[in-house]
Structures are given as structure tokens and as C-alpha cells.
Protein backbone atom coordinates (compact mmCIF):
# COMPACT_ATOMS: atom_id res chain seq x y z
CA MET A 1 5.76 7.16 21.11
CA LEU A 2 2.13 6.11 21.06
CA GLY A 3 -0.24 8.02 18.80
CA VAL A 4 -3.93 7.23 19.14
CA GLY A 5 -6.40 8.14 16.43
CA THR A 6 -9.40 9.60 18.17
CA GLY A 7 -12.05 9.59 15.49
CA GLY A 8 -14.13 6.57 16.44
CA ASP A 9 -16.04 4.95 19.25
CA GLY A 10 -15.00 1.35 18.54
CA LEU A 11 -13.02 -0.82 20.89
CA GLU A 12 -9.32 -1.53 20.53
CA ALA A 13 -10.15 -5.20 20.03
CA ALA A 14 -11.84 -4.39 16.71
CA ALA A 15 -8.53 -3.12 15.31
CA MET A 16 -6.59 -6.27 14.52
CA ILE A 17 -4.33 -5.43 11.56
CA LEU A 18 -0.73 -4.43 12.20
CA HIS A 19 1.54 -2.88 9.61
CA VAL A 20 5.14 -3.39 10.68
CA ASP A 21 7.72 -1.24 8.89
CA MET A 22 11.39 -1.59 9.76
CA ASP A 23 12.99 1.85 10.18
CA ALA A 24 15.69 2.61 7.56
CA PHE A 25 16.19 -1.15 7.29
CA PHE A 26 19.42 -1.35 5.27
CA VAL A 27 20.99 1.34 7.46
CA SER A 28 19.82 -0.43 10.63
CA VAL A 29 21.33 -3.73 9.47
CA GLU A 30 24.64 -2.00 8.68
CA ARG A 31 24.60 -0.28 12.09
CA ARG A 32 24.02 -3.61 13.80
CA ALA A 33 27.12 -4.94 12.06
CA ASP A 34 29.14 -1.78 12.73
CA PRO A 35 27.97 0.08 15.87
CA SER A 36 30.31 3.01 15.05
CA LEU A 37 27.67 4.09 12.52
CA GLU A 38 25.08 4.65 15.25
CA GLY A 39 23.97 8.27 15.58
CA ARG A 40 25.71 9.35 12.37
CA ALA A 41 24.32 10.25 8.95
CA VAL A 42 24.50 7.01 6.95
CA ILE A 43 23.60 6.43 3.31
CA VAL A 44 23.41 2.92 1.85
CA GLY A 45 23.46 2.64 -1.93
CA GLY A 46 25.68 2.43 -4.98
CA ASP A 47 29.02 4.05 -5.63
CA PRO A 48 28.72 7.69 -4.44
CA GLY A 49 30.94 8.70 -7.33
CA GLY A 50 28.95 6.71 -9.88
CA ARG A 51 25.40 6.50 -11.23
CA GLY A 52 23.91 4.44 -8.40
CA VAL A 53 20.94 5.42 -6.26
CA VAL A 54 20.23 5.64 -2.55
CA CYS A 55 18.68 2.45 -1.19
CA SER A 56 18.31 3.62 2.39
CA ALA A 57 19.18 6.76 4.36
CA SER A 58 19.34 7.23 8.12
CA TYR A 59 17.08 9.83 9.68
CA GLU A 60 20.17 11.96 10.31
CA ALA A 61 20.80 11.98 6.52
CA ARG A 62 17.11 12.56 5.74
CA ALA A 63 17.30 15.79 7.74
CA PHE A 64 19.51 17.10 4.92
CA GLY A 65 17.00 16.09 2.24
CA VAL A 66 18.42 12.68 1.29
CA ARG A 67 15.74 10.23 0.16
CA SER A 68 15.54 6.68 -1.21
CA ALA A 69 15.92 6.34 -4.99
CA MET A 70 17.81 9.66 -5.15
CA PRO A 71 21.00 9.61 -7.26
CA MET A 72 24.00 9.01 -5.03
CA SER A 73 25.76 12.02 -6.53
CA GLN A 74 22.91 14.26 -5.37
CA ALA A 75 22.89 12.64 -1.91
CA ARG A 76 26.60 13.36 -1.61
CA ARG A 77 26.05 17.03 -2.46
CA LEU A 78 23.25 17.32 0.11
CA CYS A 79 25.04 15.47 2.88
CA PRO A 80 28.81 15.34 2.15
CA HIS A 81 29.69 14.42 5.74
CA ALA A 82 27.59 11.21 5.63
CA MET A 83 29.09 7.74 5.91
CA PHE A 84 28.52 6.03 2.56
CA VAL A 85 28.08 2.24 2.67
CA ARG A 86 27.90 0.12 -0.48
CA VAL A 87 24.62 -1.76 -0.68
CA GLY A 88 25.16 -5.47 -0.08
CA THR A 89 27.86 -5.06 2.55
CA SER A 90 25.61 -6.95 4.99
CA ASP A 91 23.13 -9.76 4.39
CA TYR A 92 19.78 -7.97 4.36
CA GLY A 93 17.94 -11.14 3.34
CA ALA A 94 19.18 -13.00 6.42
CA ALA A 95 18.17 -10.09 8.64
CA SER A 96 14.73 -10.07 7.02
CA GLN A 97 14.31 -13.76 7.79
CA GLU A 98 15.12 -13.07 11.46
CA VAL A 99 12.40 -10.44 11.58
CA GLN A 100 9.88 -12.67 9.80
CA ARG A 101 10.46 -15.47 12.31
CA LEU A 102 9.65 -13.02 15.09
CA TRP A 103 6.46 -11.90 13.31
CA ARG A 104 5.32 -15.48 12.87
CA SER A 105 5.93 -16.24 16.52
CA ILE A 106 2.88 -14.12 17.42
CA THR A 107 0.54 -14.98 14.51
CA PRO A 108 0.52 -17.29 11.48
CA LEU A 109 -1.39 -14.66 9.50
CA VAL A 110 1.51 -12.66 8.04
CA GLU A 111 1.64 -11.01 4.62
CA VAL A 112 5.23 -10.10 3.83
CA THR A 113 5.24 -7.28 1.27
CA SER A 114 9.00 -6.66 1.09
CA LEU A 115 12.23 -7.34 2.95
CA ASP A 116 11.34 -4.82 5.63
CA GLU A 117 7.58 -4.65 6.03
CA ALA A 118 4.54 -6.83 6.53
CA TYR A 119 0.91 -6.94 7.59
CA LEU A 120 -0.04 -9.09 10.59
CA ASP A 121 -3.59 -10.12 11.51
CA LEU A 122 -3.94 -10.56 15.26
CA ALA A 123 -7.51 -11.88 15.13
CA GLY A 124 -7.89 -14.86 17.47
CA THR A 125 -4.52 -14.36 19.18
CA GLU A 126 -5.72 -12.43 22.25
CA ARG A 127 -5.17 -15.35 24.64
CA LEU A 128 -1.59 -15.67 23.41
CA ASN A 129 -0.67 -12.02 22.93
CA GLY A 130 -3.13 -10.01 25.00
CA PRO A 131 -4.92 -6.91 23.64
CA PRO A 132 -3.69 -5.82 20.17
CA LEU A 133 -2.23 -2.52 21.40
CA GLU A 134 -0.16 -4.28 24.05
CA ALA A 135 0.92 -6.92 21.53
CA ALA A 136 2.09 -4.26 19.08
CA ASP A 137 4.01 -2.36 21.74
CA ARG A 138 5.64 -5.59 22.90
CA LEU A 139 6.62 -6.47 19.31
CA ILE A 140 8.47 -3.16 18.93
CA SER A 141 10.36 -3.85 22.15
CA ARG A 142 11.21 -7.44 21.23
CA THR A 143 12.42 -6.46 17.76
CA TRP A 144 14.91 -4.06 19.30
CA LYS A 145 15.96 -6.18 22.30
CA GLU A 146 16.28 -9.49 20.44
CA LEU A 147 17.42 -8.35 17.00
CA ARG A 148 18.80 -4.82 17.62
CA LEU A 149 16.64 -3.54 14.76
CA PRO A 150 14.17 -0.64 15.16
CA CYS A 151 10.66 -0.67 13.69
CA SER A 152 7.41 1.28 13.65
CA ILE A 153 3.93 -0.21 13.82
CA GLY A 154 0.49 0.96 12.78
CA LEU A 155 -2.62 -0.68 14.27
CA ALA A 156 -5.99 -0.29 12.53
CA GLU A 157 -9.06 -2.11 11.24
CA ASN A 158 -7.72 -2.58 7.68
CA LYS A 159 -4.45 -2.77 5.75
CA MET A 160 -4.52 0.68 4.21
CA LEU A 161 -5.17 2.47 7.50
CA ALA A 162 -2.55 0.34 9.26
CA LYS A 163 0.04 1.45 6.68
CA VAL A 164 -0.90 5.10 7.12
CA ALA A 165 -0.70 4.63 10.89
CA SER A 166 2.81 3.17 10.77
CA ASP A 167 3.94 6.17 8.74
CA CYS A 168 2.46 8.45 11.41
CA GLY A 169 4.39 6.56 14.08
CA LYS A 170 7.85 6.77 12.51
CA PRO A 171 10.48 6.42 13.70
CA ARG A 172 10.34 3.74 16.41
CA GLY A 173 6.71 4.47 17.20
CA LEU A 174 3.28 2.90 17.53
CA PHE A 175 0.17 4.64 16.17
CA TRP A 176 -3.34 3.31 16.65
CA ILE A 177 -6.30 4.40 14.52
CA CYS A 178 -9.55 3.60 16.35
CA PRO A 179 -12.18 1.61 14.44
CA GLY A 180 -14.40 4.08 12.64
CA GLY A 181 -11.86 6.88 13.07
CA GLY A 182 -10.02 6.50 9.78
CA ALA A 183 -11.76 9.32 7.91
CA ALA A 184 -11.05 11.84 10.69
CA ILE A 185 -7.38 10.88 10.84
CA LEU A 186 -6.98 10.97 7.05
CA ALA A 187 -8.85 14.22 6.39
CA PRO A 188 -6.05 16.72 7.23
CA LEU A 189 -3.28 14.63 5.66
CA PRO A 190 -1.69 15.69 2.36
CA LEU A 191 -2.65 13.69 -0.72
CA ARG A 192 0.64 11.81 -0.90
CA ARG A 193 0.07 10.16 2.47
CA LEU A 194 -2.53 7.86 0.91
CA PRO A 195 -0.93 4.62 -0.43
CA GLY A 196 -1.45 4.62 -4.20
CA ILE A 197 -1.10 8.36 -4.74
CA GLY A 198 2.24 9.23 -6.29
CA PRO A 199 3.72 12.40 -7.80
CA LYS A 200 1.73 12.44 -11.04
CA THR A 201 -1.55 11.58 -9.36
CA GLU A 202 -0.91 14.27 -6.78
CA GLU A 203 -0.11 16.81 -9.49
CA ARG A 204 -3.30 15.94 -11.36
CA LEU A 205 -5.46 16.28 -8.26
CA LYS A 206 -3.84 19.57 -7.26
CA ARG A 207 -4.78 21.05 -10.62
CA TYR A 208 -8.37 20.83 -9.36
CA GLY A 209 -7.48 22.64 -6.15
CA LEU A 210 -7.31 19.50 -4.00
CA GLN A 211 -4.66 19.51 -1.27
CA THR A 212 -5.76 17.07 1.43
CA LEU A 213 -7.54 13.75 1.63
CA GLY A 214 -10.47 15.56 3.21
CA ASP A 215 -10.72 17.61 0.00
CA LEU A 216 -11.24 14.37 -1.95
CA VAL A 217 -14.16 13.37 0.27
CA ALA A 218 -15.70 16.85 0.09
CA LEU A 219 -15.58 16.76 -3.70
CA GLY A 220 -17.79 13.66 -3.73
CA ARG A 221 -17.66 10.28 -5.43
CA ASP A 222 -19.52 11.26 -8.61
CA THR A 223 -17.32 14.28 -9.28
CA LEU A 224 -14.17 12.29 -8.61
CA VAL A 225 -15.27 9.58 -11.05
CA GLN A 226 -16.04 12.21 -13.69
CA THR A 227 -12.65 13.82 -13.09
CA MET A 228 -10.41 10.79 -12.61
CA GLY A 229 -12.27 7.94 -14.26
CA GLU A 230 -12.77 4.59 -12.50
CA GLY A 231 -9.89 5.42 -10.17
CA GLY A 232 -11.98 8.22 -8.69
CA ALA A 233 -14.23 5.75 -6.86
CA TRP A 234 -11.15 4.01 -5.47
CA LEU A 235 -9.74 7.31 -4.26
CA PHE A 236 -13.05 8.33 -2.64
CA ASP A 237 -13.32 5.09 -0.64
CA ARG A 238 -9.71 5.11 0.47
CA ALA A 239 -9.87 8.76 1.54
CA ARG A 240 -12.75 7.78 3.86
CA GLY A 241 -10.67 4.94 5.36
CA ILE A 242 -12.47 2.14 3.50
CA ASP A 243 -10.35 -0.80 2.35
CA ASP A 244 -11.48 -4.41 2.07
CA THR A 245 -8.20 -5.79 0.68
CA PRO A 246 -7.57 -9.15 2.40
CA LEU A 247 -4.22 -10.30 3.73
CA ARG A 248 -2.30 -12.34 1.19
CA VAL A 249 -1.05 -14.83 3.73
CA ALA A 250 0.56 -17.32 1.34
CA GLU A 251 4.23 -16.38 1.31
CA PRO A 252 5.47 -15.64 -2.22
CA ALA A 253 8.62 -17.24 -3.57
CA ARG A 254 11.75 -15.59 -2.19
CA SER A 255 13.18 -15.36 -5.68
CA ILE A 256 12.28 -16.12 -9.28
CA SER A 257 14.92 -16.67 -11.93
CA ARG A 258 15.38 -17.86 -15.50
CA GLU A 259 18.61 -18.80 -17.26
CA THR A 260 19.89 -20.43 -20.42
CA THR A 261 23.07 -22.20 -21.48
CA PHE A 262 24.11 -21.43 -25.05
CA GLU A 263 24.53 -24.35 -27.45
CA SER A 264 27.86 -22.76 -28.38
CA ASP A 265 29.65 -20.16 -26.28
CA THR A 266 29.32 -16.67 -27.74
CA GLU A 267 30.75 -13.15 -27.66
CA ASP A 268 28.21 -11.79 -30.15
CA PRO A 269 26.62 -8.72 -28.50
CA GLU A 270 23.46 -8.99 -30.61
CA ARG A 271 22.95 -12.60 -29.60
CA LEU A 272 23.54 -11.75 -25.93
CA ALA A 273 21.06 -8.87 -26.12
CA ALA A 274 18.46 -11.03 -27.86
CA GLU A 275 18.81 -13.81 -25.29
CA LEU A 276 18.62 -11.30 -22.47
CA SER A 277 15.40 -9.93 -23.99
CA TRP A 278 13.87 -13.42 -24.13
CA LEU A 279 14.94 -14.16 -20.55
CA SER A 280 13.43 -10.84 -19.45
CA GLU A 281 10.14 -11.83 -21.08
CA ARG A 282 10.20 -15.20 -19.31
CA LEU A 283 11.04 -13.64 -15.94
CA ALA A 284 8.29 -11.04 -16.30
CA ALA A 285 5.78 -13.77 -17.19
CA ALA A 286 6.82 -15.78 -14.12
CA LEU A 287 6.42 -12.74 -11.86
CA ARG A 288 2.96 -12.04 -13.26
CA ALA A 289 1.97 -15.69 -12.79
CA GLU A 290 2.88 -15.36 -9.09
CA LYS A 291 1.16 -11.94 -8.93
CA VAL A 292 4.32 -10.36 -7.54
CA SER A 293 6.75 -7.62 -8.48
CA ALA A 294 10.53 -7.60 -7.99
CA ARG A 295 12.45 -4.63 -6.65
CA THR A 296 15.87 -6.27 -6.95
CA LEU A 297 17.01 -7.56 -10.34
CA THR A 298 20.08 -9.75 -10.77
CA LEU A 299 22.11 -10.65 -13.85
CA LYS A 300 24.19 -13.83 -13.94
CA LEU A 301 27.04 -14.47 -16.39
CA ARG A 302 29.10 -17.64 -16.72
CA TYR A 303 32.06 -17.61 -19.06
CA SER A 304 33.54 -20.44 -21.09
CA ASP A 305 36.28 -20.82 -18.44
CA PHE A 306 33.43 -21.31 -15.91
CA GLN A 307 34.09 -18.07 -14.06
CA THR A 308 30.71 -16.82 -12.84
CA LEU A 309 29.75 -13.29 -11.84
CA THR A 310 26.52 -11.62 -10.77
CA ARG A 311 25.41 -8.01 -10.71
CA SER A 312 22.28 -6.63 -9.03
CA THR A 313 20.31 -3.42 -8.92
CA THR A 314 17.55 -2.41 -6.51
CA LEU A 315 14.80 -0.17 -7.86
CA PRO A 316 12.63 2.26 -5.90
CA PHE A 317 9.52 0.29 -6.97
CA GLY A 318 8.66 -3.27 -7.91
CA VAL A 319 8.45 -4.29 -11.58
CA HIS A 320 6.85 -7.14 -13.52
CA ASP A 321 6.97 -5.89 -17.12
CA ASP A 322 9.66 -7.16 -19.47
CA ARG A 323 10.55 -3.77 -20.94
CA THR A 324 11.67 -2.37 -17.60
CA ILE A 325 13.41 -5.62 -16.68
CA TYR A 326 15.21 -5.76 -20.05
CA ARG A 327 16.37 -2.14 -19.77
CA GLU A 328 17.86 -2.72 -16.32
CA MET A 329 19.40 -6.07 -17.32
CA MET A 330 21.06 -4.48 -20.37
CA ARG A 331 22.52 -1.80 -18.12
CA LEU A 332 23.90 -4.51 -15.81
CA LEU A 333 25.26 -6.45 -18.79
CA ARG A 334 27.11 -3.42 -20.17
CA SER A 335 28.74 -2.75 -16.79
CA ALA A 336 29.52 -6.39 -15.95
CA HIS A 337 30.61 -7.94 -19.24
CA THR A 338 34.12 -6.52 -19.54
CA ARG A 339 36.13 -9.70 -20.28
CA ARG A 340 37.03 -10.72 -23.82
CA VAL A 341 35.88 -14.28 -23.11
CA ARG A 342 32.96 -16.15 -24.62
CA VAL A 343 29.78 -16.43 -22.53
CA ARG A 344 28.50 -19.91 -21.73
CA LEU A 345 25.42 -19.10 -19.59
CA LEU A 346 23.17 -16.09 -19.11
CA GLY A 347 20.63 -15.74 -16.32
CA VAL A 348 18.22 -13.20 -14.85
CA GLY A 349 16.48 -13.13 -11.49
CA GLY A 350 14.12 -11.12 -9.34
CA THR A 351 14.16 -10.88 -5.55
CA ASN A 352 12.76 -8.57 -2.90
CA LEU A 353 9.33 -9.70 -4.08
CA SER A 354 6.04 -8.20 -3.00
CA ASP A 355 2.39 -8.19 -3.99
CA ALA A 356 2.14 -6.52 -7.39
CA GLN A 357 -1.04 -4.56 -6.54
CA TRP A 358 0.75 -2.40 -3.95
CA GLN A 359 3.64 -1.41 -6.17
CA LEU A 360 2.23 1.15 -8.58
CA ASP A 361 1.11 4.71 -8.20
CA LEU A 362 -2.50 4.87 -9.33
CA PHE A 363 -1.83 6.88 -12.49
CA GLU A 364 1.89 7.58 -12.70
CA ALA A 365 3.03 4.14 -13.87
CA ASP A 366 1.08 4.22 -17.15
CA LYS A 367 3.95 2.83 -19.21
CA GLN A 368 4.56 -0.06 -16.85
CA VAL A 369 0.84 -0.82 -16.64
CA ARG A 370 0.57 -0.88 -20.43
CA GLY A 371 3.66 -3.06 -20.62
CA ALA A 372 2.29 -5.47 -18.04
CA ARG A 373 -1.08 -5.66 -19.84
CA LEU A 374 0.67 -6.43 -23.11
CA GLY A 375 2.68 -9.05 -21.30
CA GLU A 376 -0.49 -10.59 -19.87
CA ALA A 377 -1.96 -10.81 -23.38
CA MET A 378 1.22 -12.51 -24.56
CA ASP A 379 1.04 -14.85 -21.55
CA ALA A 380 -2.45 -15.94 -22.64
CA ILE A 381 -1.24 -16.65 -26.20
CA ARG A 382 1.67 -18.70 -24.87
CA ARG A 383 -0.60 -20.73 -22.61
CA ARG A 384 -2.78 -21.59 -25.57
CA HIS A 385 -0.20 -22.03 -28.32
CA GLY A 386 3.08 -22.77 -26.56
CA SER A 387 5.92 -20.79 -24.99
CA GLY A 388 7.59 -19.99 -28.32
CA SER A 389 4.43 -18.86 -30.11
CA ILE A 390 5.00 -15.14 -29.51
CA ALA A 391 7.92 -12.91 -28.49
CA ARG A 392 9.13 -9.38 -28.93
CA ALA A 393 11.05 -8.74 -32.15
CA ARG A 394 14.27 -8.08 -30.24
CA SER A 395 14.05 -11.61 -28.75
CA ARG A 396 13.77 -13.40 -32.07
CA LEU A 397 17.52 -13.87 -32.51
CA ALA A 398 17.65 -15.89 -29.28
């Protein structure tokens, strides 16, 4: 499918930014490994009988209302005939690296935002790739023929519009928004289609009678600022298709981790919790220093008999505040630490990293924003006075 935004008079060559989004990535990787899953409702996530969440759902399962981050128990009620696959059955990281190599074969200007999506700048590659629209169409074909993985692509003059365009093209489609045509394409779309507007932001805007992105523009910048604060100006510009966010080409670290070996092996739950709190603070600080968020958090335990185990959880959004990290790590610790054996080493890690600025809903993540700002203040104190100069009270036993 090719959708062309018809709101502008610019040439195709002026639209150089691609947003590539792999379709139902975890499901697609599992289907590649097990072709019998093709054409069936497939849900990848935690234990369907436990408290896990959906990481990825096929479009056949989405037709029954199944969505990412939904509790697995709810997904099972909505789509009981689905094939349930435990997350981690296949190597999603290796599949992501295959896709990234393909992206970089057509341009060095690639900003990878997660395992399954990226922005590509095709400026200056016309002699190699041809016109951008042809290059995008060819990339969809190559991704399927060479890797057996489906994707959708949006082509536009900036990152935000390219992301909106790829959403319009799903699944397995290409959608082009002409230069200058962003406002016309955005105007009839519901509020949630704009990256950065989440449930709470949408609810707040709807209280003022706003339903579409065109309604935001009609309200005017000054009124939006009065109503929504500084974020109102941001909303007004984005709703008109304006976005000057540059590509963050430097590839972030694939993972960030912190660990500690106890001076004496321990079974003391308070000591383990305190050390886990301190490690969560250190991991959060490292993520903020790299200006990234982690969607996948991993706990590592090594016992006194040198048996090592790891447990991971994948969240619906990226995090870089220690409170959220600590909460998730404690949940992993409670589920993983079942042996009556002393612990020798404790470690925490973050993977599935992406640019922190694209992770948060504009208003809905207030608690995480406050936690991150507090963490940044603590980071500044540590830089000036040393890493042990300040810590949360729960970390002081570590």
C-alpha cells in the first residue's frame, strides 16, 4: 500500500526522513522461527496464567482488542484461541541487528530508537538509492525478501511527521507526507495520533472540547499556552507539522549495567533490598548520563555456589528514574530468589535503549519526570562531591 499525503506542493526530494517501524516485531521474529504461526492469532508475552503483560500481538489478535502492555490474563480472555508464546523464545536482539545492518547499507545516518524502529536520513544518497520514495519502497521489499520480516515506512520532511506517516501505512505499507502537507494530513487525526500525547494528555484536552489535531490549531497558540502551560506551544507547533528535532545518529550503548559483589555472602533480605536500591540509583544515573531510557530491565543473581540466574521484564515505556527501576527490580528479586543459599553478587541492567526524550507522554508521566529531575539533581551533587555523597534512605544499608 502506498499512501500519499496531498497537502503540499513540494517535491518528493525534499522529504528525506524515513521512519521504519517493524510490524509486530516479536511476533514476526517468532513466526520466522516457526512458520506454523503464520496467519494465526499470536501473542508474545509473559505467562498467560500469571501476572505478565503482552509484549507484542499479531494483527489477527489485535482484531479481538489485544494490545501491547495489556495483562496477559486479559489478553487470554479476549482472544482465548490465540497461540501464546513466552517472550524470549527467540533472539530478538540478533534479529534487530540484522535489520539495523540493512538500514545502514543505504545510509550512515540512522537513529535507532528501539529494537524495532529507527529514523533514516536519505539526504545525499540519491545517486546510491534513487528518489526517496523508490528507496523506501525498495527497503520494505528487501526487509521481507532478505530477512522475512515485515515493516512499515513513513516518508516526510521531519521525524515527527515520518512517525505519523508510518503509523498511517501499517501494516506492511508506505505512506508519504508531501513537504508542506503535514498540517492538512494531521488536522483530521484524533489527538492520540500525535507522538507525545498519551491518555492523560488526551483526557485533559478533551475536557476543553478538543477532539482532533486540527482543533488544537484552531484554538491558537496563546490559548493553548494559557490552558496547558509551556507544553501548549509544543502542542501547537507539532499539530501544524512543525518539528526541528535532529537525528541522534550516534548509536547508544546496547546495554548499561551495574553490579556488586558482597564482601561476605548474604541472605539478609534488608541488605539485598538496600543494595538493589543503590544499584538502581547507579543504573538510573548511567541511563541519564547517556540520555537514554531502558524498556527492558534485567536482574542478575549469583549465589555462593556460583550458580547464576537472570530475570528480565519488558515495560511498555522506557524508564530512567531509580524509583521505577527499583520497584521492577524488587519484583524480579521476589520472584527469582527462591533458593535458601547466600547471595554472592547482585546486578541490574537496562537494554532495549532509546532516546529518553521520545519515551514520555507530555503530561501523563509526572511521577517519572519528577523522579528523573530529582535524580538529575542528585547526579549533580555526586559529580561535585563524590559518588557516595548522596543516596536515598533505603540505599544507606548497602
